């Protein structure tokens, strides 16, 4: 007899995949932390963010393929090359951001999303709303940054 996968919340992991939330839904402290609705909300938020980044990248690539850098004036050509260099560096940062979004989605499916990787405490909903890829509570992040700054100053 096959057994269904059940996560730490007693739900099938994909169950919150199929939840349709009202357009005005926002996670609330009145709800159980990381209940199915909150998990569905953050899953949709992460997927929408990733799709927007991918769409921007597609637009950049299409623009690169259609624009030629054959500007007759050398100053115009240099300016265009500089602009494209900046655009490509931005896309590279966004590529790294996509991997963080993917990691957040994996944590969400594993039932670890929303909990600090250092302390295990819940990350505030306001922090997750502002930075859905957050892996630490604000306090743990500040402590981490202070330690990192001290290490750099040495």
N, C-alpha and C. Protein backbone atom coordinates (compact mmCIF):
# COMPACT_ATOMS: atom_id res chain seq x y z
N UNK A 1 0.84 -1.18 0.00
CA UNK A 1 0.00 0.00 0.00
C UNK A 1 0.88 1.24 0.00
N UNK A 2 0.65 2.15 -0.93
CA UNK A 2 1.43 3.38 -1.03
C UNK A 2 0.95 4.38 0.01
N UNK A 3 1.91 5.08 0.60
CA UNK A 3 1.54 6.11 1.58
C UNK A 3 1.81 7.47 0.97
N UNK A 4 0.94 8.41 1.25
CA UNK A 4 1.11 9.77 0.74
C UNK A 4 2.15 10.50 1.57
N UNK A 5 2.88 11.35 0.92
CA UNK A 5 3.84 12.20 1.62
C UNK A 5 3.07 13.19 2.48
N UNK A 6 3.49 13.37 3.70
CA UNK A 6 2.85 14.35 4.59
C UNK A 6 3.96 15.20 5.19
N UNK A 7 3.78 16.53 5.14
CA UNK A 7 4.82 17.41 5.68
C UNK A 7 4.61 17.62 7.18
N UNK A 8 5.41 18.48 7.77
CA UNK A 8 5.37 18.70 9.21
C UNK A 8 4.04 19.29 9.69
N UNK A 9 3.24 19.83 8.78
CA UNK A 9 1.96 20.41 9.16
C UNK A 9 0.82 19.40 9.01
N UNK A 10 1.14 18.16 8.60
CA UNK A 10 0.11 17.15 8.43
C UNK A 10 -0.64 17.30 7.12
N UNK A 11 -0.10 18.10 6.19
CA UNK A 11 -0.75 18.33 4.91
C UNK A 11 0.10 17.71 3.81
N UNK A 12 -0.54 17.38 2.71
CA UNK A 12 0.24 16.97 1.55
C UNK A 12 1.02 18.20 1.10
N UNK A 13 2.32 18.05 0.76
CA UNK A 13 3.14 19.21 0.42
C UNK A 13 2.57 20.08 -0.69
N UNK A 14 1.92 19.49 -1.68
CA UNK A 14 1.42 20.27 -2.81
C UNK A 14 0.04 20.86 -2.56
N UNK A 15 -0.57 20.55 -1.42
CA UNK A 15 -1.93 21.01 -1.16
C UNK A 15 -2.03 22.53 -1.26
N UNK A 16 -1.08 23.24 -0.72
CA UNK A 16 -1.14 24.70 -0.75
C UNK A 16 -0.84 25.23 -2.15
N UNK A 17 -0.36 24.37 -3.04
CA UNK A 17 -0.17 24.73 -4.45
C UNK A 17 -1.50 25.06 -5.12
N UNK A 18 -2.53 24.39 -4.68
CA UNK A 18 -3.83 24.50 -5.35
C UNK A 18 -4.77 25.49 -4.68
N UNK A 19 -4.34 26.12 -3.61
CA UNK A 19 -5.20 27.07 -2.89
C UNK A 19 -5.32 28.36 -3.70
N UNK A 20 -6.55 28.79 -3.90
CA UNK A 20 -6.81 30.07 -4.58
C UNK A 20 -7.20 31.07 -3.51
N UNK A 21 -6.39 32.09 -3.39
CA UNK A 21 -6.60 33.09 -2.34
C UNK A 21 -7.34 34.30 -2.91
N UNK A 22 -8.11 35.00 -2.09
CA UNK A 22 -8.72 36.26 -2.55
C UNK A 22 -7.61 37.25 -2.92
N UNK A 23 -7.85 38.10 -3.89
CA UNK A 23 -6.82 39.03 -4.36
C UNK A 23 -6.35 39.99 -3.28
N UNK A 24 -7.19 40.23 -2.27
CA UNK A 24 -6.80 41.16 -1.20
C UNK A 24 -6.24 40.44 0.03
N UNK A 25 -6.00 39.14 -0.08
CA UNK A 25 -5.48 38.38 1.07
C UNK A 25 -4.08 38.84 1.42
N UNK A 26 -3.83 39.03 2.71
CA UNK A 26 -2.49 39.30 3.24
C UNK A 26 -2.34 38.44 4.49
N UNK A 27 -1.20 37.82 4.68
CA UNK A 27 -0.99 37.03 5.90
C UNK A 27 -1.18 37.90 7.14
N UNK A 28 -1.73 37.30 8.18
CA UNK A 28 -2.04 38.03 9.39
C UNK A 28 -1.50 37.28 10.61
N UNK A 29 -1.14 38.04 11.62
CA UNK A 29 -0.69 37.44 12.88
C UNK A 29 -1.82 36.72 13.59
N UNK A 30 -3.07 36.96 13.16
CA UNK A 30 -4.22 36.29 13.75
C UNK A 30 -4.30 34.82 13.32
N UNK A 31 -3.62 34.48 12.24
CA UNK A 31 -3.63 33.11 11.73
C UNK A 31 -2.48 32.31 12.35
N UNK A 32 -2.59 31.00 12.26
CA UNK A 32 -1.48 30.14 12.67
C UNK A 32 -0.31 30.43 11.72
N UNK A 33 0.88 30.57 12.28
CA UNK A 33 2.05 30.90 11.48
C UNK A 33 2.31 29.80 10.45
N UNK A 34 2.48 30.19 9.22
CA UNK A 34 2.75 29.33 8.07
C UNK A 34 1.66 28.27 7.87
N UNK A 35 0.42 28.70 8.09
CA UNK A 35 -0.72 27.85 7.76
C UNK A 35 -0.77 27.70 6.23
N UNK A 36 -1.65 26.88 5.74
CA UNK A 36 -1.73 26.61 4.30
C UNK A 36 -1.94 27.89 3.49
N UNK A 37 -2.79 28.80 3.97
CA UNK A 37 -3.03 30.04 3.24
C UNK A 37 -1.76 30.90 3.15
N UNK A 38 -1.03 31.00 4.25
CA UNK A 38 0.21 31.79 4.23
C UNK A 38 1.23 31.15 3.31
N UNK A 39 1.33 29.85 3.36
CA UNK A 39 2.29 29.16 2.49
C UNK A 39 1.91 29.35 1.03
N UNK A 40 0.61 29.26 0.72
CA UNK A 40 0.15 29.48 -0.65
C UNK A 40 0.45 30.92 -1.08
N UNK A 41 0.21 31.87 -0.18
CA UNK A 41 0.46 33.28 -0.49
C UNK A 41 1.93 33.51 -0.86
N UNK A 42 2.84 33.00 -0.01
CA UNK A 42 4.26 33.22 -0.26
C UNK A 42 4.75 32.44 -1.48
N UNK A 43 4.17 31.27 -1.73
CA UNK A 43 4.53 30.52 -2.93
C UNK A 43 4.16 31.32 -4.17
N UNK A 44 2.96 31.87 -4.19
CA UNK A 44 2.54 32.69 -5.34
C UNK A 44 3.41 33.94 -5.48
N UNK A 45 3.72 34.55 -4.35
CA UNK A 45 4.55 35.75 -4.37
C UNK A 45 5.94 35.44 -4.94
N UNK A 46 6.54 34.35 -4.49
CA UNK A 46 7.87 33.97 -4.97
C UNK A 46 7.84 33.60 -6.45
N UNK A 47 6.84 32.83 -6.85
CA UNK A 47 6.75 32.45 -8.27
C UNK A 47 6.51 33.65 -9.17
N UNK A 48 5.65 34.58 -8.74
CA UNK A 48 5.40 35.79 -9.54
C UNK A 48 6.66 36.63 -9.67
N UNK A 49 7.41 36.75 -8.58
CA UNK A 49 8.66 37.52 -8.58
C UNK A 49 9.65 36.89 -9.55
N UNK A 50 9.79 35.57 -9.48
CA UNK A 50 10.71 34.87 -10.37
C UNK A 50 10.30 35.06 -11.82
N UNK A 51 9.02 34.92 -12.11
CA UNK A 51 8.54 35.07 -13.48
C UNK A 51 8.79 36.49 -14.00
N UNK A 52 8.61 37.50 -13.16
CA UNK A 52 8.87 38.89 -13.56
C UNK A 52 10.35 39.08 -13.91
N UNK A 53 11.23 38.49 -13.13
CA UNK A 53 12.67 38.59 -13.40
C UNK A 53 13.01 37.90 -14.71
N UNK A 54 12.45 36.72 -14.92
CA UNK A 54 12.71 35.97 -16.16
C UNK A 54 12.19 36.75 -17.37
N UNK A 55 11.02 37.35 -17.23
CA UNK A 55 10.46 38.14 -18.33
C UNK A 55 11.35 39.34 -18.65
N UNK A 56 11.86 40.01 -17.62
CA UNK A 56 12.78 41.13 -17.85
C UNK A 56 14.03 40.65 -18.58
N UNK A 57 14.54 39.49 -18.20
CA UNK A 57 15.72 38.93 -18.85
C UNK A 57 15.46 38.62 -20.31
N UNK A 58 14.28 38.07 -20.58
CA UNK A 58 13.91 37.79 -21.99
C UNK A 58 13.88 39.08 -22.80
N UNK A 59 13.30 40.11 -22.21
CA UNK A 59 13.21 41.40 -22.90
C UNK A 59 14.61 41.96 -23.17
N UNK A 60 15.49 41.83 -22.18
CA UNK A 60 16.87 42.30 -22.36
C UNK A 60 17.56 41.54 -23.49
N UNK A 61 17.41 40.22 -23.49
CA UNK A 61 18.04 39.42 -24.54
C UNK A 61 17.48 39.76 -25.92
N UNK A 62 16.18 39.95 -26.00
CA UNK A 62 15.56 40.32 -27.28
C UNK A 62 16.10 41.67 -27.74
N UNK A 63 16.24 42.59 -26.82
CA UNK A 63 16.76 43.92 -27.15
C UNK A 63 18.21 43.84 -27.61
N UNK A 64 18.99 43.01 -26.93
CA UNK A 64 20.40 42.84 -27.32
C UNK A 64 20.51 42.26 -28.73
N UNK A 65 19.60 41.36 -29.07
CA UNK A 65 19.66 40.73 -30.38
C UNK A 65 19.21 41.66 -31.49
N UNK A 66 18.30 42.59 -31.20
CA UNK A 66 17.80 43.48 -32.25
C UNK A 66 18.63 44.76 -32.38
N UNK A 67 19.17 45.23 -31.27
CA UNK A 67 19.99 46.46 -31.33
C UNK A 67 21.39 46.11 -31.81
N UNK A 68 21.87 46.91 -32.68
CA UNK A 68 23.27 46.70 -33.06
C UNK A 68 24.09 47.80 -32.41
N UNK A 69 25.28 47.43 -32.06
CA UNK A 69 26.18 48.42 -31.44
C UNK A 69 27.05 49.07 -32.52
N UNK A 70 26.53 49.19 -33.71
CA UNK A 70 27.28 49.80 -34.81
C UNK A 70 26.97 51.28 -34.91
N UNK A 71 27.12 51.96 -33.82
CA UNK A 71 26.90 53.40 -33.79
C UNK A 71 28.01 54.06 -34.63
N UNK A 72 27.66 55.00 -35.48
CA UNK A 72 28.69 55.63 -36.31
C UNK A 72 29.67 56.48 -35.49
N UNK A 73 29.16 57.07 -34.41
CA UNK A 73 30.00 57.92 -33.59
C UNK A 73 30.63 57.09 -32.48
N UNK A 74 31.94 57.22 -32.30
CA UNK A 74 32.65 56.42 -31.30
C UNK A 74 32.17 56.72 -29.88
N UNK A 75 31.81 57.95 -29.61
CA UNK A 75 31.32 58.31 -28.26
C UNK A 75 29.95 57.65 -28.02
N UNK A 76 29.09 57.64 -29.04
CA UNK A 76 27.78 56.99 -28.91
C UNK A 76 27.95 55.48 -28.71
N UNK A 77 28.90 54.89 -29.43
CA UNK A 77 29.15 53.46 -29.31
C UNK A 77 29.64 53.14 -27.90
N UNK A 78 30.55 53.94 -27.37
CA UNK A 78 31.07 53.72 -26.02
C UNK A 78 29.95 53.84 -24.99
N UNK A 79 29.08 54.81 -25.18
CA UNK A 79 27.96 55.00 -24.26
C UNK A 79 27.02 53.79 -24.30
N UNK A 80 26.73 53.30 -25.51
CA UNK A 80 25.85 52.13 -25.65
C UNK A 80 26.48 50.90 -25.01
N UNK A 81 27.77 50.71 -25.21
CA UNK A 81 28.45 49.55 -24.62
C UNK A 81 28.44 49.63 -23.10
N UNK A 82 28.61 50.82 -22.56
CA UNK A 82 28.56 51.01 -21.11
C UNK A 82 27.16 50.68 -20.59
N UNK A 83 26.13 51.18 -21.28
CA UNK A 83 24.75 50.90 -20.87
C UNK A 83 24.47 49.40 -20.88
N UNK A 84 24.92 48.70 -21.92
CA UNK A 84 24.68 47.26 -22.00
C UNK A 84 25.47 46.50 -20.93
N UNK A 85 26.66 46.98 -20.63
CA UNK A 85 27.45 46.36 -19.57
C UNK A 85 26.73 46.45 -18.24
N UNK A 86 26.15 47.60 -17.94
CA UNK A 86 25.39 47.79 -16.71
C UNK A 86 24.17 46.87 -16.71
N UNK A 87 23.47 46.82 -17.84
CA UNK A 87 22.28 45.97 -17.96
C UNK A 87 22.63 44.51 -17.76
N UNK A 88 23.73 44.05 -18.31
CA UNK A 88 24.13 42.65 -18.16
C UNK A 88 24.56 42.33 -16.73
N UNK A 89 25.21 43.28 -16.05
CA UNK A 89 25.55 43.06 -14.64
C UNK A 89 24.29 42.97 -13.78
N UNK A 90 23.29 43.79 -14.11
CA UNK A 90 22.01 43.73 -13.41
C UNK A 90 21.37 42.37 -13.61
N UNK A 91 21.38 41.88 -14.83
CA UNK A 91 20.80 40.56 -15.13
C UNK A 91 21.56 39.46 -14.38
N UNK A 92 22.88 39.60 -14.22
CA UNK A 92 23.65 38.60 -13.49
C UNK A 92 23.25 38.59 -12.01
N UNK A 93 23.03 39.77 -11.44
CA UNK A 93 22.56 39.84 -10.05
C UNK A 93 21.18 39.20 -9.93
N UNK A 94 20.34 39.43 -10.93
CA UNK A 94 19.01 38.85 -10.89
C UNK A 94 19.07 37.32 -11.07
N UNK A 95 20.04 36.84 -11.82
CA UNK A 95 20.22 35.39 -11.96
C UNK A 95 20.51 34.79 -10.58
N UNK A 96 21.36 35.47 -9.81
CA UNK A 96 21.66 35.00 -8.45
C UNK A 96 20.42 35.09 -7.56
N UNK A 97 19.61 36.11 -7.78
CA UNK A 97 18.38 36.27 -7.01
C UNK A 97 17.42 35.11 -7.31
N UNK A 98 17.37 34.69 -8.56
CA UNK A 98 16.50 33.57 -8.92
C UNK A 98 16.89 32.32 -8.14
N UNK A 99 18.19 32.09 -7.97
CA UNK A 99 18.60 30.91 -7.21
C UNK A 99 18.15 31.02 -5.74
N UNK A 100 18.13 32.24 -5.19
CA UNK A 100 17.63 32.44 -3.83
C UNK A 100 16.12 32.22 -3.76
N UNK A 101 15.42 32.65 -4.79
CA UNK A 101 13.97 32.43 -4.85
C UNK A 101 13.69 30.92 -4.93
N UNK A 102 14.44 30.22 -5.77
CA UNK A 102 14.27 28.76 -5.89
C UNK A 102 14.54 28.08 -4.54
N UNK A 103 15.55 28.54 -3.82
CA UNK A 103 15.86 27.97 -2.51
C UNK A 103 14.71 28.23 -1.53
N UNK A 104 14.12 29.42 -1.60
CA UNK A 104 12.98 29.74 -0.72
C UNK A 104 11.79 28.84 -1.05
N UNK A 105 11.56 28.58 -2.33
CA UNK A 105 10.47 27.70 -2.73
C UNK A 105 10.73 26.28 -2.22
N UNK A 106 11.97 25.82 -2.31
CA UNK A 106 12.31 24.49 -1.78
C UNK A 106 12.06 24.43 -0.27
N UNK A 107 12.45 25.51 0.46
CA UNK A 107 12.20 25.55 1.90
C UNK A 107 10.70 25.53 2.20
N UNK A 108 9.93 26.21 1.35
CA UNK A 108 8.49 26.25 1.53
C UNK A 108 7.91 24.85 1.42
N UNK A 109 8.33 24.10 0.40
CA UNK A 109 7.83 22.73 0.22
C UNK A 109 8.33 21.81 1.34
N UNK A 110 9.49 22.10 1.88
CA UNK A 110 10.05 21.26 2.95
C UNK A 110 9.46 21.61 4.32
N UNK A 111 8.67 22.69 4.39
CA UNK A 111 8.09 23.10 5.67
C UNK A 111 9.05 23.92 6.51
N UNK A 112 10.14 24.40 5.92
CA UNK A 112 11.14 25.18 6.66
C UNK A 112 11.02 26.68 6.39
N UNK A 113 10.20 27.05 5.43
CA UNK A 113 10.08 28.46 5.05
C UNK A 113 9.47 29.27 6.18
N UNK A 114 10.03 30.45 6.39
CA UNK A 114 9.50 31.36 7.40
C UNK A 114 10.15 31.21 8.76
N UNK A 115 11.08 30.26 8.87
CA UNK A 115 11.76 30.03 10.14
C UNK A 115 13.24 30.37 9.98
N UNK A 116 13.79 31.02 10.99
CA UNK A 116 15.19 31.46 10.97
C UNK A 116 16.12 30.25 10.91
N UNK A 117 17.07 30.30 10.00
CA UNK A 117 18.02 29.18 9.87
C UNK A 117 19.03 29.17 11.01
N UNK A 118 19.12 30.25 11.78
CA UNK A 118 20.06 30.32 12.90
C UNK A 118 19.38 29.93 14.21
N UNK A 119 18.23 30.56 14.49
CA UNK A 119 17.57 30.36 15.78
C UNK A 119 16.39 29.39 15.72
N UNK A 120 15.83 29.20 14.54
CA UNK A 120 14.64 28.37 14.40
C UNK A 120 13.36 29.11 14.74
N UNK A 121 13.47 30.38 15.13
CA UNK A 121 12.30 31.19 15.46
C UNK A 121 11.57 31.60 14.17
N UNK A 122 10.26 31.87 14.28
CA UNK A 122 9.53 32.37 13.11
C UNK A 122 10.06 33.74 12.69
N UNK A 123 10.19 33.95 11.40
CA UNK A 123 10.56 35.26 10.84
C UNK A 123 9.27 36.05 10.75
N UNK A 124 9.29 37.30 11.12
CA UNK A 124 8.05 38.09 11.14
C UNK A 124 7.43 38.15 9.74
N UNK A 125 6.11 38.17 9.73
CA UNK A 125 5.40 38.25 8.45
C UNK A 125 5.74 39.54 7.71
N UNK A 126 5.95 40.62 8.45
CA UNK A 126 6.32 41.89 7.81
C UNK A 126 7.66 41.76 7.09
N UNK A 127 8.61 41.07 7.71
CA UNK A 127 9.92 40.85 7.07
C UNK A 127 9.77 39.97 5.84
N UNK A 128 9.00 38.90 5.95
CA UNK A 128 8.80 38.02 4.80
C UNK A 128 8.05 38.73 3.68
N UNK A 129 7.15 39.61 4.04
CA UNK A 129 6.43 40.40 3.03
C UNK A 129 7.40 41.30 2.27
N UNK A 130 8.31 41.94 3.02
CA UNK A 130 9.27 42.85 2.41
C UNK A 130 10.40 42.10 1.69
N UNK A 131 10.81 40.97 2.23
CA UNK A 131 11.92 40.20 1.66
C UNK A 131 11.55 38.72 1.73
N UNK A 132 10.79 38.24 0.76
CA UNK A 132 10.29 36.85 0.80
C UNK A 132 11.38 35.78 0.81
N UNK A 133 12.62 36.16 0.49
CA UNK A 133 13.70 35.17 0.48
C UNK A 133 14.49 35.19 1.79
N UNK A 134 14.01 35.94 2.77
CA UNK A 134 14.72 36.04 4.05
C UNK A 134 14.89 34.67 4.69
N UNK A 135 16.07 34.43 5.24
CA UNK A 135 16.35 33.15 5.90
C UNK A 135 16.62 33.33 7.39
N UNK A 136 16.65 34.60 7.84
CA UNK A 136 16.91 34.86 9.25
C UNK A 136 15.96 35.92 9.78
N UNK A 137 15.71 35.86 11.08
CA UNK A 137 14.94 36.93 11.71
C UNK A 137 15.77 38.21 11.60
N UNK A 138 15.13 39.33 11.79
CA UNK A 138 15.84 40.61 11.71
C UNK A 138 16.97 40.66 12.72
N UNK A 139 16.73 40.17 13.94
CA UNK A 139 17.74 40.19 14.98
C UNK A 139 18.94 39.32 14.60
N UNK A 140 18.68 38.13 14.09
CA UNK A 140 19.77 37.23 13.68
C UNK A 140 20.54 37.82 12.51
N UNK A 141 19.83 38.47 11.58
CA UNK A 141 20.49 39.10 10.43
C UNK A 141 21.39 40.24 10.88
N UNK A 142 20.90 41.07 11.80
CA UNK A 142 21.70 42.18 12.32
C UNK A 142 22.94 41.66 13.04
N UNK A 143 22.77 40.61 13.85
CA UNK A 143 23.90 40.00 14.56
C UNK A 143 24.92 39.46 13.54
N UNK A 144 24.43 38.80 12.51
CA UNK A 144 25.29 38.25 11.46
C UNK A 144 26.08 39.37 10.76
N UNK A 145 25.40 40.46 10.46
CA UNK A 145 26.06 41.58 9.78
C UNK A 145 27.08 42.26 10.68
N UNK A 146 26.80 42.36 12.00
CA UNK A 146 27.78 42.95 12.92
C UNK A 146 29.03 42.09 12.97
N UNK A 147 28.85 40.77 13.05
CA UNK A 147 29.99 39.86 13.08
C UNK A 147 30.78 39.94 11.79
N UNK A 148 30.06 40.00 10.67
CA UNK A 148 30.71 40.11 9.35
C UNK A 148 31.49 41.41 9.25
N UNK A 149 30.94 42.51 9.77
CA UNK A 149 31.62 43.81 9.71
C UNK A 149 32.90 43.77 10.56
N UNK A 150 32.82 43.18 11.73
CA UNK A 150 33.99 43.07 12.61
C UNK A 150 35.07 42.25 11.91
N UNK A 151 34.67 41.17 11.26
CA UNK A 151 35.63 40.32 10.55
C UNK A 151 36.31 41.07 9.42
N UNK A 152 35.53 41.92 8.70
CA UNK A 152 36.10 42.71 7.59
C UNK A 152 37.05 43.78 8.11
N UNK A 153 36.71 44.34 9.28
CA UNK A 153 37.53 45.42 9.82
C UNK A 153 38.88 44.93 10.35
N UNK A 154 38.98 43.64 10.66
CA UNK A 154 40.23 43.10 11.21
C UNK A 154 41.33 43.02 10.19
